PDB file of N, CA and C in Angstrom:
ATOM      1  N   MET A   1       0.848  -1.164   0.000  1.00  0.00           N
ATOM      2  CA  MET A   1       0.000   0.000   0.000  1.00  0.00           C
ATOM      3  C   MET A   1       0.900   1.237   0.000  1.00  0.00           C
ATOM      4  N   LYS A   2       0.702   2.092  -0.993  1.00  0.00           N
ATOM      5  CA  LYS A   2       1.505   3.292  -1.156  1.00  0.00           C
ATOM      6  C   LYS A   2       1.033   4.393  -0.208  1.00  0.00           C
ATOM      7  N   LYS A   3       1.978   5.062   0.424  1.00  0.00           N
ATOM      8  CA  LYS A   3       1.665   6.181   1.314  1.00  0.00           C
ATOM      9  C   LYS A   3       1.163   7.359   0.493  1.00  0.00           C
ATOM     10  N   ILE A   4       0.062   7.932   0.914  1.00  0.00           N
ATOM     11  CA  ILE A   4      -0.562   9.045   0.209  1.00  0.00           C
ATOM     12  C   ILE A   4      -0.250  10.327   0.961  1.00  0.00           C
ATOM     13  N   LYS A   5       0.109  11.360   0.200  1.00  0.00           N
ATOM     14  CA  LYS A   5       0.402  12.663   0.798  1.00  0.00           C
ATOM     15  C   LYS A   5      -0.872  13.213   1.443  1.00  0.00           C
ATOM     16  N   ASN A   6      -0.765  13.770   2.627  1.00  0.00           N
ATOM     17  CA  ASN A   6      -1.888  14.347   3.383  1.00  0.00           C
ATOM     18  C   ASN A   6      -2.919  13.287   3.769  1.00  0.00           C
ATOM     19  N   GLU A   7      -2.486  12.062   3.962  1.00  0.00           N
ATOM     20  CA  GLU A   7      -3.423  10.965   4.230  1.00  0.00           C
ATOM     21  C   GLU A   7      -4.249  11.184   5.492  1.00  0.00           C
ATOM     22  N   SER A   8      -3.643  11.672   6.553  1.00  0.00           N
ATOM     23  CA  SER A   8      -4.404  11.846   7.796  1.00  0.00           C
ATOM     24  C   SER A   8      -5.476  12.932   7.649  1.00  0.00           C
ATOM     25  N   GLN A   9      -5.154  14.025   6.948  1.00  0.00           N
ATOM     26  CA  GLN A   9      -6.146  15.071   6.730  1.00  0.00           C
ATOM     27  C   GLN A   9      -7.256  14.588   5.792  1.00  0.00           C
ATOM     28  N   LEU A  10      -6.880  13.811   4.773  1.00  0.00           N
ATOM     29  CA  LEU A  10      -7.874  13.245   3.864  1.00  0.00           C
ATOM     30  C   LEU A  10      -8.795  12.280   4.606  1.00  0.00           C
ATOM     31  N   LEU A  11      -8.231  11.504   5.531  1.00  0.00           N
ATOM     32  CA  LEU A  11      -9.041  10.569   6.320  1.00  0.00           C
ATOM     33  C   LEU A  11     -10.024  11.323   7.202  1.00  0.00           C
ATOM     34  N   GLN A  12      -9.582  12.406   7.818  1.00  0.00           N
ATOM     35  CA  GLN A  12     -10.481  13.217   8.633  1.00  0.00           C
ATOM     36  C   GLN A  12     -11.615  13.792   7.786  1.00  0.00           C
ATOM     37  N   HIS A  13     -11.281  14.253   6.602  1.00  0.00           N
ATOM     38  CA  HIS A  13     -12.285  14.801   5.692  1.00  0.00           C
ATOM     39  C   HIS A  13     -13.259  13.710   5.249  1.00  0.00           C
ATOM     40  N   ALA A  14     -12.725  12.534   4.942  1.00  0.00           N
ATOM     41  CA  ALA A  14     -13.575  11.411   4.524  1.00  0.00           C
ATOM     42  C   ALA A  14     -14.505  10.987   5.654  1.00  0.00           C
ATOM     43  N   THR A  15     -14.013  10.980   6.880  1.00  0.00           N
ATOM     44  CA  THR A  15     -14.835  10.604   8.024  1.00  0.00           C
ATOM     45  C   THR A  15     -15.961  11.616   8.234  1.00  0.00           C
ATOM     46  N   LYS A  16     -15.623  12.893   8.122  1.00  0.00           N
ATOM     47  CA  LYS A  16     -16.627  13.941   8.299  1.00  0.00           C
ATOM     48  C   LYS A  16     -17.709  13.865   7.210  1.00  0.00           C
ATOM     49  N   LEU A  17     -17.301  13.768   5.960  1.00  0.00           N
ATOM     50  CA  LEU A  17     -18.267  13.697   4.865  1.00  0.00           C
ATOM     51  C   LEU A  17     -19.012  12.362   4.858  1.00  0.00           C
ATOM     52  N   GLY A  18     -18.330  11.300   5.233  1.00  0.00           N
ATOM     53  CA  GLY A  18     -18.979   9.991   5.302  1.00  0.00           C
ATOM     54  C   GLY A  18     -20.047   9.950   6.383  1.00  0.00           C
ATOM     55  N   ALA A  19     -19.780  10.587   7.518  1.00  0.00           N
ATOM     56  CA  ALA A  19     -20.773  10.638   8.589  1.00  0.00           C
ATOM     57  C   ALA A  19     -21.988  11.460   8.149  1.00  0.00           C
ATOM     58  N   ALA A  20     -21.749  12.553   7.435  1.00  0.00           N
ATOM     59  CA  ALA A  20     -22.858  13.358   6.916  1.00  0.00           C
ATOM     60  C   ALA A  20     -23.666  12.554   5.895  1.00  0.00           C
ATOM     61  N   TYR A  21     -22.982  11.793   5.053  1.00  0.00           N
ATOM     62  CA  TYR A  21     -23.663  10.942   4.075  1.00  0.00           C
ATOM     63  C   TYR A  21     -24.525   9.891   4.784  1.00  0.00           C
ATOM     64  N   ALA A  22     -23.970   9.302   5.839  1.00  0.00           N
ATOM     65  CA  ALA A  22     -24.714   8.286   6.592  1.00  0.00           C
ATOM     66  C   ALA A  22     -25.974   8.882   7.218  1.00  0.00           C
ATOM     67  N   LEU A  23     -25.875  10.078   7.760  1.00  0.00           N
ATOM     68  CA  LEU A  23     -27.045  10.732   8.353  1.00  0.00           C
ATOM     69  C   LEU A  23     -28.108  11.038   7.292  1.00  0.00           C
ATOM     70  N   LYS A  24     -27.661  11.477   6.111  1.00  0.00           N
ATOM     71  CA  LYS A  24     -28.615  11.742   5.026  1.00  0.00           C
ATOM     72  C   LYS A  24     -29.321  10.460   4.597  1.00  0.00           C
ATOM     73  N   ARG A  25     -28.612   9.340   4.689  1.00  0.00           N
ATOM     74  CA  ARG A  25     -29.191   8.047   4.325  1.00  0.00           C
ATOM     75  C   ARG A  25     -30.123   7.512   5.406  1.00  0.00           C
ATOM     76  N   GLY A  26     -30.126   8.168   6.570  1.00  0.00           N
ATOM     77  CA  GLY A  26     -31.001   7.743   7.647  1.00  0.00           C
ATOM     78  C   GLY A  26     -30.326   6.873   8.687  1.00  0.00           C
ATOM     79  N   TYR A  27     -29.010   6.699   8.585  1.00  0.00           N
ATOM     80  CA  TYR A  27     -28.278   5.896   9.556  1.00  0.00           C
ATOM     81  C   TYR A  27     -27.978   6.760  10.776  1.00  0.00           C
ATOM     82  N   VAL A  28     -28.429   6.331  11.949  1.00  0.00           N
ATOM     83  CA  VAL A  28     -28.248   7.131  13.161  1.00  0.00           C
ATOM     84  C   VAL A  28     -27.263   6.492  14.138  1.00  0.00           C
ATOM     85  N   GLY A  29     -26.492   5.525  13.692  1.00  0.00           N
ATOM     86  CA  GLY A  29     -25.570   4.816  14.572  1.00  0.00           C
ATOM     87  C   GLY A  29     -24.283   5.554  14.869  1.00  0.00           C
ATOM     88  N   ILE A  30     -24.033   6.668  14.189  1.00  0.00           N
ATOM     89  CA  ILE A  30     -22.811   7.438  14.415  1.00  0.00           C
ATOM     90  C   ILE A  30     -23.174   8.685  15.209  1.00  0.00           C
ATOM     91  N   ASP A  31     -22.550   8.820  16.385  1.00  0.00           N
ATOM     92  CA  ASP A  31     -22.771  10.019  17.191  1.00  0.00           C
ATOM     93  C   ASP A  31     -21.445  10.460  17.795  1.00  0.00           C
ATOM     94  N   GLY A  32     -21.480  11.395  18.693  1.00  0.00           N
ATOM     95  CA  GLY A  32     -20.272  11.948  19.290  1.00  0.00           C
ATOM     96  C   GLY A  32     -19.485  10.976  20.146  1.00  0.00           C
ATOM     97  N   THR A  33     -20.122   9.916  20.618  1.00  0.00           N
ATOM     98  CA  THR A  33     -19.429   8.964  21.481  1.00  0.00           C
ATOM     99  C   THR A  33     -18.828   7.794  20.704  1.00  0.00           C
ATOM    100  N   THR A  34     -19.082   7.719  19.415  1.00  0.00           N
ATOM    101  CA  THR A  34     -18.555   6.631  18.596  1.00  0.00           C
ATOM    102  C   THR A  34     -17.073   6.865  18.345  1.00  0.00           C
ATOM    103  N   SER A  35     -16.262   5.824  18.518  1.00  0.00           N
ATOM    104  CA  SER A  35     -14.825   5.960  18.305  1.00  0.00           C
ATOM    105  C   SER A  35     -14.527   6.170  16.825  1.00  0.00           C
ATOM    106  N   ALA A  36     -13.367   6.740  16.543  1.00  0.00           N
ATOM    107  CA  ALA A  36     -12.982   7.015  15.157  1.00  0.00           C
ATOM    108  C   ALA A  36     -12.904   5.716  14.355  1.00  0.00           C
ATOM    109  N   LYS A  37     -12.370   4.674  14.957  1.00  0.00           N
ATOM    110  CA  LYS A  37     -12.254   3.381  14.276  1.00  0.00           C
ATOM    111  C   LYS A  37     -13.637   2.841  13.901  1.00  0.00           C
ATOM    112  N   ASP A  38     -14.583   2.932  14.828  1.00  0.00           N
ATOM    113  CA  ASP A  38     -15.935   2.436  14.560  1.00  0.00           C
ATOM    114  C   ASP A  38     -16.640   3.300  13.507  1.00  0.00           C
ATOM    115  N   LYS A  39     -16.434   4.622  13.553  1.00  0.00           N
ATOM    116  CA  LYS A  39     -17.017   5.500  12.545  1.00  0.00           C
ATOM    117  C   LYS A  39     -16.509   5.116  11.160  1.00  0.00           C
ATOM    118  N   GLN A  40     -15.203   4.921  11.060  1.00  0.00           N
ATOM    119  CA  GLN A  40     -14.607   4.590   9.773  1.00  0.00           C
ATOM    120  C   GLN A  40     -15.123   3.258   9.256  1.00  0.00           C
ATOM    121  N   GLU A  41     -15.261   2.285  10.124  1.00  0.00           N
ATOM    122  CA  GLU A  41     -15.771   0.985   9.694  1.00  0.00           C
ATOM    123  C   GLU A  41     -17.230   1.078   9.262  1.00  0.00           C
ATOM    124  N   CYS A  42     -18.041   1.830  10.006  1.00  0.00           N
ATOM    125  CA  CYS A  42     -19.454   2.011   9.635  1.00  0.00           C
ATOM    126  C   CYS A  42     -19.579   2.707   8.287  1.00  0.00           C
ATOM    127  N   ILE A  43     -18.797   3.746   8.094  1.00  0.00           N
ATOM    128  CA  ILE A  43     -18.841   4.482   6.826  1.00  0.00           C
ATOM    129  C   ILE A  43     -18.400   3.575   5.686  1.00  0.00           C
ATOM    130  N   TYR A  44     -17.319   2.833   5.897  1.00  0.00           N
ATOM    131  CA  TYR A  44     -16.831   1.906   4.870  1.00  0.00           C
ATOM    132  C   TYR A  44     -17.921   0.898   4.496  1.00  0.00           C
ATOM    133  N   ARG A  45     -18.546   0.284   5.486  1.00  0.00           N
ATOM    134  CA  ARG A  45     -19.570  -0.732   5.207  1.00  0.00           C
ATOM    135  C   ARG A  45     -20.784  -0.114   4.500  1.00  0.00           C
ATOM    136  N   LEU A  46     -21.141   1.100   4.857  1.00  0.00           N
ATOM    137  CA  LEU A  46     -22.255   1.780   4.185  1.00  0.00           C
ATOM    138  C   LEU A  46     -21.899   2.075   2.725  1.00  0.00           C
ATOM    139  N   LEU A  47     -20.677   2.526   2.488  1.00  0.00           N
ATOM    140  CA  LEU A  47     -20.244   2.806   1.117  1.00  0.00           C
ATOM    141  C   LEU A  47     -20.181   1.532   0.278  1.00  0.00           C
ATOM    142  N   VAL A  48     -19.773   0.435   0.887  1.00  0.00           N
ATOM    143  CA  VAL A  48     -19.758  -0.847   0.180  1.00  0.00           C
ATOM    144  C   VAL A  48     -21.184  -1.274  -0.132  1.00  0.00           C
ATOM    145  N   GLN A  49     -22.069  -1.134   0.834  1.00  0.00           N
ATOM    146  CA  GLN A  49     -23.468  -1.521   0.639  1.00  0.00           C
ATOM    147  C   GLN A  49     -24.108  -0.716  -0.497  1.00  0.00           C
ATOM    148  N   ASP A  50     -23.772   0.569  -0.573  1.00  0.00           N
ATOM    149  CA  ASP A  50     -24.315   1.434  -1.624  1.00  0.00           C
ATOM    150  C   ASP A  50     -23.516   1.337  -2.927  1.00  0.00           C
ATOM    151  N   LYS A  51     -22.522   0.476  -2.939  1.00  0.00           N
ATOM    152  CA  LYS A  51     -21.672   0.223  -4.114  1.00  0.00           C
ATOM    153  C   LYS A  51     -20.924   1.469  -4.573  1.00  0.00           C
ATOM    154  N   LEU A  52     -20.475   2.266  -3.608  1.00  0.00           N
ATOM    155  CA  LEU A  52     -19.665   3.441  -3.913  1.00  0.00           C
ATOM    156  C   LEU A  52     -18.173   3.139  -3.814  1.00  0.00           C
ATOM    157  N   VAL A  53     -17.819   2.076  -3.106  1.00  0.00           N
ATOM    158  CA  VAL A  53     -16.448   1.568  -3.067  1.00  0.00           C
ATOM    159  C   VAL A  53     -16.509   0.049  -3.225  1.00  0.00           C
ATOM    160  N   SER A  54     -15.443  -0.491  -3.773  1.00  0.00           N
ATOM    161  CA  SER A  54     -15.396  -1.945  -3.915  1.00  0.00           C
ATOM    162  C   SER A  54     -14.989  -2.558  -2.574  1.00  0.00           C
ATOM    163  N   PRO A  55     -15.574  -3.692  -2.220  1.00  0.00           N
ATOM    164  CA  PRO A  55     -15.274  -4.293  -0.916  1.00  0.00           C
ATOM    165  C   PRO A  55     -13.903  -4.941  -0.879  1.00  0.00           C
ATOM    166  N   LEU A  56     -13.320  -4.932   0.298  1.00  0.00           N
ATOM    167  CA  LEU A  56     -12.086  -5.665   0.545  1.00  0.00           C
ATOM    168  C   LEU A  56     -12.442  -7.126   0.818  1.00  0.00           C
ATOM    169  N   SER A  57     -11.510  -8.020   0.553  1.00  0.00           N
ATOM    170  CA  SER A  57     -11.757  -9.410   0.916  1.00  0.00           C
ATOM    171  C   SER A  57     -11.735  -9.530   2.438  1.00  0.00           C
ATOM    172  N   LYS A  58     -12.344 -10.572   2.961  1.00  0.00           N
ATOM    173  CA  LYS A  58     -12.464 -10.733   4.424  1.00  0.00           C
ATOM    174  C   LYS A  58     -11.110 -10.701   5.124  1.00  0.00           C
ATOM    175  N   GLU A  59     -10.107 -11.336   4.536  1.00  0.00           N
ATOM    176  CA  GLU A  59      -8.799 -11.363   5.189  1.00  0.00           C
ATOM    177  C   GLU A  59      -8.063 -10.024   5.088  1.00  0.00           C
ATOM    178  N   ASP A  60      -8.488  -9.161   4.163  1.00  0.00           N
ATOM    179  CA  ASP A  60      -7.855  -7.850   4.019  1.00  0.00           C
ATOM    180  C   ASP A  60      -8.595  -6.742   4.765  1.00  0.00           C
ATOM    181  N   GLU A  61      -9.683  -7.051   5.450  1.00  0.00           N
ATOM    182  CA  GLU A  61     -10.445  -6.037   6.181  1.00  0.00           C
ATOM    183  C   GLU A  61      -9.756  -5.685   7.494  1.00  0.00           C
ATOM    184  N   THR A  62      -8.700  -4.904   7.380  1.00  0.00           N
ATOM    185  CA  THR A  62      -8.000  -4.407   8.554  1.00  0.00           C
ATOM    186  C   THR A  62      -8.286  -2.916   8.685  1.00  0.00           C
ATOM    187  N   THR A  63      -7.990  -2.372   9.827  1.00  0.00           N
ATOM    188  CA  THR A  63      -8.225  -0.948  10.050  1.00  0.00           C
ATOM    189  C   THR A  63      -7.434  -0.103   9.048  1.00  0.00           C
ATOM    190  N   ALA A  64      -6.189  -0.479   8.803  1.00  0.00           N
ATOM    191  CA  ALA A  64      -5.353   0.285   7.872  1.00  0.00           C
ATOM    192  C   ALA A  64      -5.916   0.238   6.457  1.00  0.00           C
ATOM    193  N   ASN A  65      -6.377  -0.912   6.018  1.00  0.00           N
ATOM    194  CA  ASN A  65      -6.930  -1.039   4.666  1.00  0.00           C
ATOM    195  C   ASN A  65      -8.254  -0.290   4.532  1.00  0.00           C
ATOM    196  N   ILE A  66      -9.077  -0.313   5.575  1.00  0.00           N
ATOM    197  CA  ILE A  66     -10.344   0.423   5.544  1.00  0.00           C
ATOM    198  C   ILE A  66     -10.060   1.921   5.471  1.00  0.00           C
ATOM    199  N   ARG A  67      -9.104   2.387   6.243  1.00  0.00           N
ATOM    200  CA  ARG A  67      -8.738   3.804   6.202  1.00  0.00           C
ATOM    201  C   ARG A  67      -8.236   4.187   4.812  1.00  0.00           C
ATOM    202  N   HIS A  68      -7.423   3.325   4.227  1.00  0.00           N
ATOM    203  CA  HIS A  68      -6.887   3.579   2.892  1.00  0.00           C
ATOM    204  C   HIS A  68      -8.022   3.662   1.865  1.00  0.00           C
ATOM    205  N   LYS A  69      -8.999   2.773   1.962  1.00  0.00           N
ATOM    206  CA  LYS A  69     -10.151   2.795   1.048  1.00  0.00           C
ATOM    207  C   LYS A  69     -10.926   4.105   1.187  1.00  0.00           C
ATOM    208  N   LEU A  70     -11.118   4.573   2.413  1.00  0.00           N
ATOM    209  CA  LEU A  70     -11.829   5.835   2.634  1.00  0.00           C
ATOM    210  C   LEU A  70     -11.055   7.012   2.040  1.00  0.00           C
ATOM    211  N   VAL A  71      -9.738   6.987   2.171  1.00  0.00           N
ATOM    212  CA  VAL A  71      -8.914   8.058   1.606  1.00  0.00           C
ATOM    213  C   VAL A  71      -9.028   8.047   0.081  1.00  0.00           C
ATOM    214  N   LEU A  72      -8.973   6.875  -0.527  1.00  0.00           N
ATOM    215  CA  LEU A  72      -9.109   6.782  -1.982  1.00  0.00           C
ATOM    216  C   LEU A  72     -10.483   7.264  -2.429  1.00  0.00           C
ATOM    217  N   TRP A  73     -11.514   6.930  -1.653  1.00  0.00           N
ATOM    218  CA  TRP A  73     -12.881   7.360  -1.975  1.00  0.00           C
ATOM    219  C   TRP A  73     -12.990   8.875  -1.972  1.00  0.00           C
ATOM    220  N   ILE A  74     -12.468   9.509  -0.931  1.00  0.00           N
ATOM    221  CA  ILE A  74     -12.595  10.963  -0.836  1.00  0.00           C
ATOM    222  C   ILE A  74     -11.741  11.650  -1.892  1.00  0.00           C
ATOM    223  N   MET A  75     -10.618  11.071  -2.247  1.00  0.00           N
ATOM    224  CA  MET A  75      -9.759  11.663  -3.273  1.00  0.00           C
ATOM    225  C   MET A  75     -10.483  11.723  -4.622  1.00  0.00           C
ATOM    226  N   LYS A  76     -11.313  10.735  -4.896  1.00  0.00           N
ATOM    227  CA  LYS A  76     -12.053  10.711  -6.164  1.00  0.00           C
ATOM    228  C   LYS A  76     -13.178  11.743  -6.173  1.00  0.00           C
ATOM    229  N   HIS A  77     -13.628  12.171  -4.999  1.00  0.00           N
ATOM    230  CA  HIS A  77     -14.756  13.095  -4.921  1.00  0.00           C
ATOM    231  C   HIS A  77     -14.359  14.547  -4.681  1.00  0.00           C
ATOM    232  N   LEU A  78     -13.082  14.782  -4.468  1.00  0.00           N
ATOM    233  CA  LEU A  78     -12.613  16.162  -4.305  1.00  0.00           C
ATOM    234  C   LEU A  78     -12.246  16.741  -5.667  1.00  0.00           C
ATOM    235  N   PRO A  79     -12.429  18.031  -5.855  1.00  0.00           N
ATOM    236  CA  PRO A  79     -12.010  18.637  -7.125  1.00  0.00           C
ATOM    237  C   PRO A  79     -10.494  18.557  -7.258  1.00  0.00           C
ATOM    238  N   PRO A  80      -9.982  18.455  -8.473  1.00  0.00           N
ATOM    239  CA  PRO A  80      -8.525  18.304  -8.675  1.00  0.00           C
ATOM    240  C   PRO A  80      -7.689  19.428  -8.082  1.00  0.00           C
ATOM    241  N   GLU A  81      -8.263  20.611  -7.940  1.00  0.00           N
ATOM    242  CA  GLU A  81      -7.494  21.744  -7.413  1.00  0.00           C
ATOM    243  C   GLU A  81      -7.568  21.855  -5.891  1.00  0.00           C
ATOM    244  N   HIS A  82      -8.205  20.906  -5.227  1.00  0.00           N
ATOM    245  CA  HIS A  82      -8.345  20.944  -3.758  1.00  0.00           C
ATOM    246  C   HIS A  82      -6.958  20.919  -3.120  1.00  0.00           C
ATOM    247  N   SER A  83      -6.785  21.678  -2.050  1.00  0.00           N
ATOM    248  CA  SER A  83      -5.478  21.816  -1.401  1.00  0.00           C
ATOM    249  C   SER A  83      -4.939  20.498  -0.846  1.00  0.00           C
ATOM    250  N   LEU A  84      -5.791  19.581  -0.423  1.00  0.00           N
ATOM    251  CA  LEU A  84      -5.326  18.312   0.124  1.00  0.00           C
ATOM    252  C   LEU A  84      -4.776  17.374  -0.948  1.00  0.00           C
ATOM    253  N   LEU A  85      -5.075  17.636  -2.189  1.00  0.00           N
ATOM    254  CA  LEU A  85      -4.601  16.762  -3.258  1.00  0.00           C
ATOM    255  C   LEU A  85      -3.283  17.244  -3.864  1.00  0.00           C
ATOM    256  N   LYS A  86      -2.766  18.357  -3.369  1.00  0.00           N
ATOM    257  CA  LYS A  86      -1.515  18.900  -3.921  1.00  0.00           C
ATOM    258  C   LYS A  86      -0.346  18.605  -3.045  1.00  0.00           C
TER     259      LYS A  86
END
């Protein structure tokens, strides 16, 4: 897995937008007390269910791989001139 520039900031952005997407979809399982790891996993599973990201195989479903998938997802949805992509 290749290290992505600004990965931690992209992950934070993906988590924030993913949580907003989940709320718009009617999912209420993410709140202020949910850990970052659980938020990321919930968002990942919701995106897989909606076929917005391709699923990882069962043996590859690690926290690092889920985070990487979320970063790749948000990178595709940001405009090319966004500061986090430079």
